[in-house]
């Protein structure tokens, strides 16, 4: 569909990640196919009907219905789509702007203690592994931001790392600690292969730009070697540095800038660690 392709191009211009650029337009296409109406004739009731349809639709992967998270992705895609249509002047009234839907229960954020972060560094055997920890913990990068990093984005002399395309296309500049700078420089100078042929900062075993799954696999291997009994993902490193910075006394506004959050509310989530997490952090 032409309108779906245009929406996909819009998301790319905004700087959305590869998975979102693929998934969100597909959700919109599914809605248009089910609704069988032209965009300008879609009403709020059509969206409510679609929401109810999703709640009843069986899952194609396993028995039972669709997950709350999956349904929420569809609703989120429609919010983005109709906001874009309204801003572009293609529709006069946004049919989803007045609607509210049940939000899926958020998954409990897995936070590493400072001691556990040290454990990951201790079991890392390669310069690449230490560089990965320094990027995603030391700099608090998102998965997509790590994927896009190029060699030119790291300025060792000034101790700064440039995130040129963060979430929503936002740019920011991050300070690198001496340890982070040393880890990345050590990888570049002594372990990175084909360094003159690739602009990407981190390369996989084939000499190509590292992708999210490869980063995730590397972190999971470190967790397994460390003996840490937590379900840790790449994003857990970002959660952890955010929590540690706040617990260390840095302001919420500073941490917001560091993480690249658009809204302060996103950062304030990290101030609500439970008592057990707080006790662990204070006793490391």
Protein backbone atom coordinates (compact mmCIF):
# COMPACT_ATOMS: atom_id res chain seq x y z
CA UNK A 1 0.00 0.00 0.00
CA UNK A 2 1.32 3.43 -0.96
CA UNK A 3 0.20 5.09 2.28
CA UNK A 4 1.95 2.38 4.33
CA UNK A 5 5.16 2.85 2.34
CA UNK A 6 4.98 6.60 2.98
CA UNK A 7 4.51 5.94 6.70
CA UNK A 8 7.55 3.67 6.66
CA UNK A 9 9.61 6.43 5.04
CA UNK A 10 8.34 8.84 7.72
CA UNK A 11 9.58 6.53 10.49
CA UNK A 12 12.96 6.20 8.82
CA UNK A 13 13.28 10.01 8.67
CA UNK A 14 12.48 10.19 12.38
CA UNK A 15 15.28 7.74 13.12
CA UNK A 16 13.27 4.72 14.29
CA UNK A 17 15.17 1.44 14.54
CA UNK A 18 15.14 -1.28 11.91
CA UNK A 19 12.70 -3.52 13.79
CA UNK A 20 10.21 -0.67 14.36
CA UNK A 21 10.41 0.43 10.73
CA UNK A 22 9.46 -3.10 9.75
CA UNK A 23 6.83 -3.85 12.40
CA UNK A 24 4.85 -0.62 12.83
CA UNK A 25 3.83 -0.18 9.15
CA UNK A 26 2.81 -3.86 9.08
CA UNK A 27 0.46 -3.19 12.00
CA UNK A 28 -1.07 -0.24 10.15
CA UNK A 29 -1.47 -2.32 7.00
CA UNK A 30 -3.26 -5.00 9.00
CA UNK A 31 -5.63 -2.37 10.42
CA UNK A 32 -6.45 -0.93 6.99
CA UNK A 33 -7.03 -4.41 5.58
CA UNK A 34 -9.41 -5.35 8.40
CA UNK A 35 -11.23 -2.01 8.51
CA UNK A 36 -11.72 -1.82 4.71
CA UNK A 37 -12.11 1.96 4.74
CA UNK A 38 -10.17 4.85 3.28
CA UNK A 39 -8.09 6.74 5.84
CA UNK A 40 -10.21 9.90 5.80
CA UNK A 41 -13.37 7.92 6.61
CA UNK A 42 -11.99 6.01 9.61
CA UNK A 43 -13.72 6.86 12.89
CA UNK A 44 -12.92 6.34 16.56
CA UNK A 45 -15.44 3.50 16.57
CA UNK A 46 -13.49 1.72 13.81
CA UNK A 47 -10.41 1.78 16.03
CA UNK A 48 -12.39 0.51 19.03
CA UNK A 49 -13.76 -2.32 16.86
CA UNK A 50 -10.23 -3.19 15.74
CA UNK A 51 -9.00 -3.21 19.34
CA UNK A 52 -11.79 -5.62 20.28
CA UNK A 53 -10.94 -7.75 17.23
CA UNK A 54 -7.31 -8.00 18.37
CA UNK A 55 -8.39 -9.10 21.83
CA UNK A 56 -10.36 -11.98 20.31
CA UNK A 57 -7.95 -12.93 17.53
CA UNK A 58 -6.04 -16.18 18.15
CA UNK A 59 -2.28 -16.16 18.13
CA UNK A 60 -0.61 -17.66 15.06
CA UNK A 61 2.43 -18.78 17.06
CA UNK A 62 0.83 -20.68 19.90
CA UNK A 63 -2.49 -21.54 21.43
CA UNK A 64 -4.49 -18.76 23.04
CA UNK A 65 -4.96 -15.10 22.24
CA UNK A 66 -2.59 -12.25 21.44
CA UNK A 67 -0.45 -10.87 24.26
CA UNK A 68 -1.18 -7.46 25.77
CA UNK A 69 2.21 -6.31 24.54
CA UNK A 70 1.46 -7.36 20.96
CA UNK A 71 -1.90 -5.58 21.01
CA UNK A 72 -0.25 -2.49 22.46
CA UNK A 73 2.22 -2.45 19.53
CA UNK A 74 -0.74 -2.26 17.13
CA UNK A 75 -2.35 0.60 19.03
CA UNK A 76 0.98 2.44 19.27
CA UNK A 77 1.44 2.11 15.51
CA UNK A 78 -2.01 3.64 14.92
CA UNK A 79 -1.23 6.54 17.25
CA UNK A 80 1.95 7.30 15.30
CA UNK A 81 0.22 6.84 11.97
CA UNK A 82 -2.75 9.12 12.63
CA UNK A 83 -0.56 11.74 14.35
CA UNK A 84 1.55 11.82 11.17
CA UNK A 85 -1.59 12.07 9.01
CA UNK A 86 -2.91 14.95 11.12
CA UNK A 87 0.40 16.83 11.18
CA UNK A 88 0.68 16.45 7.41
CA UNK A 89 -2.80 17.91 6.92
CA UNK A 90 -4.08 14.73 5.29
CA UNK A 91 -6.89 14.32 7.83
CA UNK A 92 -8.80 16.99 9.76
CA UNK A 93 -9.62 14.91 12.81
CA UNK A 94 -7.38 12.34 14.49
CA UNK A 95 -9.72 9.41 15.30
CA UNK A 96 -7.48 7.92 17.99
CA UNK A 97 -6.55 11.11 19.87
CA UNK A 98 -9.56 10.93 22.21
CA UNK A 99 -9.26 7.20 22.94
CA UNK A 100 -7.46 5.49 25.80
CA UNK A 101 -6.54 1.83 26.04
CA UNK A 102 -5.35 -0.52 28.74
CA UNK A 103 -1.58 -0.46 29.03
CA UNK A 104 0.21 -3.81 29.34
CA UNK A 105 1.82 -4.54 32.66
CA UNK A 106 5.44 -3.48 32.43
CA UNK A 107 8.05 -6.15 32.95
CA UNK A 108 10.12 -5.87 36.11
CA UNK A 109 13.35 -4.15 35.23
CA UNK A 110 16.36 -6.33 35.98
CA UNK A 111 19.05 -4.25 37.66
CA UNK A 112 22.61 -5.40 38.26
CA UNK A 113 24.34 -4.36 41.45
CA UNK A 114 27.66 -2.54 41.10
CA UNK A 115 29.41 -5.68 42.34
CA UNK A 116 27.73 -7.72 39.61
CA UNK A 117 28.86 -5.24 36.97
CA UNK A 118 32.42 -5.70 38.26
CA UNK A 119 31.93 -9.46 37.92
CA UNK A 120 31.08 -9.07 34.23
CA UNK A 121 34.24 -7.05 33.65
CA UNK A 122 36.30 -9.60 35.56
CA UNK A 123 35.16 -12.56 33.45
CA UNK A 124 35.55 -10.74 30.13
CA UNK A 125 38.42 -12.32 28.24
CA UNK A 126 38.64 -10.14 25.14
CA UNK A 127 39.03 -6.44 24.46
CA UNK A 128 35.79 -6.57 22.45
CA UNK A 129 33.84 -7.85 25.45
CA UNK A 130 35.16 -5.04 27.64
CA UNK A 131 34.35 -2.49 24.94
CA UNK A 132 30.77 -3.83 24.74
CA UNK A 133 30.34 -3.46 28.51
CA UNK A 134 31.76 0.05 28.39
CA UNK A 135 29.40 1.11 25.59
CA UNK A 136 26.19 -0.31 26.98
CA UNK A 137 26.88 0.11 30.70
CA UNK A 138 29.48 2.86 30.82
CA UNK A 139 27.67 4.97 28.21
CA UNK A 140 24.14 3.64 28.74
CA UNK A 141 23.51 3.13 25.04
CA UNK A 142 20.39 1.65 23.54
CA UNK A 143 20.83 -1.41 21.33
CA UNK A 144 20.12 0.55 18.12
CA UNK A 145 22.55 3.30 19.15
CA UNK A 146 25.34 0.79 19.64
CA UNK A 147 24.62 -0.72 16.25
CA UNK A 148 24.97 2.64 14.48
CA UNK A 149 28.18 3.81 16.16
CA UNK A 150 31.08 4.59 13.85
CA UNK A 151 34.76 5.09 14.63
CA UNK A 152 34.44 8.83 13.95
CA UNK A 153 31.81 9.10 16.71
CA UNK A 154 34.41 8.46 19.44
CA UNK A 155 36.59 11.45 20.33
CA UNK A 156 39.31 10.27 22.68
CA UNK A 157 41.06 13.61 23.09
CA UNK A 158 37.92 15.35 24.36
CA UNK A 159 36.57 12.23 26.07
CA UNK A 160 33.25 12.42 24.24
CA UNK A 161 31.08 9.93 22.39
CA UNK A 162 28.61 11.23 19.80
CA UNK A 163 25.26 9.47 19.44
CA UNK A 164 24.24 10.89 16.08
CA UNK A 165 20.93 9.04 15.67
CA UNK A 166 19.24 8.11 18.93
CA UNK A 167 15.60 7.23 19.49
CA UNK A 168 13.32 9.49 17.44
CA UNK A 169 16.32 10.80 15.49
CA UNK A 170 17.66 12.71 18.53
CA UNK A 171 21.37 13.41 18.84
CA UNK A 172 23.35 13.71 22.05
CA UNK A 173 26.92 13.84 23.28
CA UNK A 174 28.07 11.60 26.12
CA UNK A 175 31.08 11.99 28.40
CA UNK A 176 33.34 8.94 28.54
CA UNK A 177 35.10 8.04 31.76
CA UNK A 178 38.82 7.26 31.53
CA UNK A 179 38.00 3.57 31.90
CA UNK A 180 35.40 3.61 29.11
CA UNK A 181 37.73 5.54 26.82
CA UNK A 182 40.60 3.14 27.57
CA UNK A 183 38.47 0.04 26.89
CA UNK A 184 37.23 1.31 23.53
CA UNK A 185 40.67 2.53 22.49
CA UNK A 186 42.26 -0.77 23.51
CA UNK A 187 39.78 -2.65 21.31
CA UNK A 188 40.35 -0.32 18.34
CA UNK A 189 44.12 -0.36 18.55
CA UNK A 190 44.80 -3.97 19.46
CA UNK A 191 41.92 -6.26 18.51
CA UNK A 192 39.64 -4.79 15.85
CA UNK A 193 40.20 -6.43 12.47
CA UNK A 194 39.98 -4.73 9.06
CA UNK A 195 40.01 -1.37 10.82
CA UNK A 196 40.79 0.59 7.65
CA UNK A 197 37.92 -0.89 5.64
CA UNK A 198 34.92 -0.34 7.88
CA UNK A 199 33.47 2.83 9.37
CA UNK A 200 31.57 0.85 12.03
CA UNK A 201 33.07 1.02 15.52
CA UNK A 202 32.31 -2.57 16.52
CA UNK A 203 32.83 -5.42 14.07
CA UNK A 204 31.63 -9.02 14.23
CA UNK A 205 33.74 -12.09 13.47
CA UNK A 206 33.17 -11.57 9.72
CA UNK A 207 34.45 -8.02 9.81
CA UNK A 208 30.99 -6.47 9.36
CA UNK A 209 29.05 -4.09 11.60
CA UNK A 210 27.88 -5.77 14.81
CA UNK A 211 24.11 -6.07 15.23
CA UNK A 212 21.93 -6.27 18.31
CA UNK A 213 21.64 -10.04 18.44
CA UNK A 214 25.42 -10.40 18.44
CA UNK A 215 25.74 -7.86 21.25
CA UNK A 216 23.04 -9.66 23.24
CA UNK A 217 24.74 -13.02 22.76
CA UNK A 218 28.05 -11.59 23.99
CA UNK A 219 26.43 -10.18 27.15
CA UNK A 220 24.56 -13.41 27.90
CA UNK A 221 27.82 -15.37 27.63
CA UNK A 222 29.45 -13.02 30.13
CA UNK A 223 26.51 -13.42 32.51
CA UNK A 224 26.75 -17.20 32.23
CA UNK A 225 30.50 -17.16 32.93
CA UNK A 226 30.04 -14.82 35.88
CA UNK A 227 27.50 -17.08 37.57
CA UNK A 228 25.04 -14.20 38.04
CA UNK A 229 21.58 -15.73 38.39
CA UNK A 230 19.54 -13.01 36.73
CA UNK A 231 17.84 -12.79 33.35
CA UNK A 232 20.16 -10.15 31.95
CA UNK A 233 19.80 -8.65 28.49
CA UNK A 234 21.72 -5.92 26.70
CA UNK A 235 19.16 -3.35 27.87
CA UNK A 236 19.69 -4.41 31.49
CA UNK A 237 23.09 -2.70 31.33
CA UNK A 238 21.36 0.59 30.45
CA UNK A 239 18.83 0.10 33.27
CA UNK A 240 21.69 -0.57 35.66
CA UNK A 241 23.83 2.49 34.87
CA UNK A 242 20.74 4.71 35.12
CA UNK A 243 19.94 3.34 38.57
CA UNK A 244 23.57 3.58 39.73
CA UNK A 245 23.90 7.20 38.59
CA UNK A 246 20.77 8.21 40.46
CA UNK A 247 21.80 6.30 43.56
CA UNK A 248 25.17 8.03 43.31
CA UNK A 249 23.49 11.40 43.72
CA UNK A 250 23.24 12.68 40.14
CA UNK A 251 20.08 14.62 39.32
CA UNK A 252 17.20 13.08 37.40
CA UNK A 253 17.62 15.83 34.78
CA UNK A 254 21.28 14.90 34.22
CA UNK A 255 20.46 11.20 33.90
CA UNK A 256 17.65 12.08 31.52
CA UNK A 257 20.14 13.87 29.25
CA UNK A 258 22.66 11.04 29.59
CA UNK A 259 20.08 8.41 28.55
CA UNK A 260 18.54 10.54 25.81
CA UNK A 261 15.01 10.40 27.24
CA UNK A 262 12.52 12.80 25.69
CA UNK A 263 10.31 12.89 28.78
CA UNK A 264 11.43 13.19 32.39
CA UNK A 265 8.84 10.56 33.37
CA UNK A 266 10.87 7.94 31.50
CA UNK A 267 13.87 8.63 33.71
CA UNK A 268 11.91 8.82 36.93
CA UNK A 269 11.07 5.14 36.56
CA UNK A 270 14.60 4.44 37.75
CA UNK A 271 14.03 6.29 41.02
CA UNK A 272 11.44 3.71 42.05
CA UNK A 273 13.73 0.78 42.77
CA UNK A 274 12.23 -1.60 45.29
CA UNK A 275 13.64 -2.05 48.80
CA UNK A 276 15.52 -5.23 47.93
CA UNK A 277 17.27 -3.58 44.97
CA UNK A 278 18.12 -0.52 47.06
CA UNK A 279 19.57 -2.69 49.83
CA UNK A 280 21.74 -4.56 47.31
CA UNK A 281 23.00 -1.33 45.78
CA UNK A 282 23.91 0.19 49.13
CA UNK A 283 25.77 -2.91 50.24
CA UNK A 284 28.16 -3.37 47.30
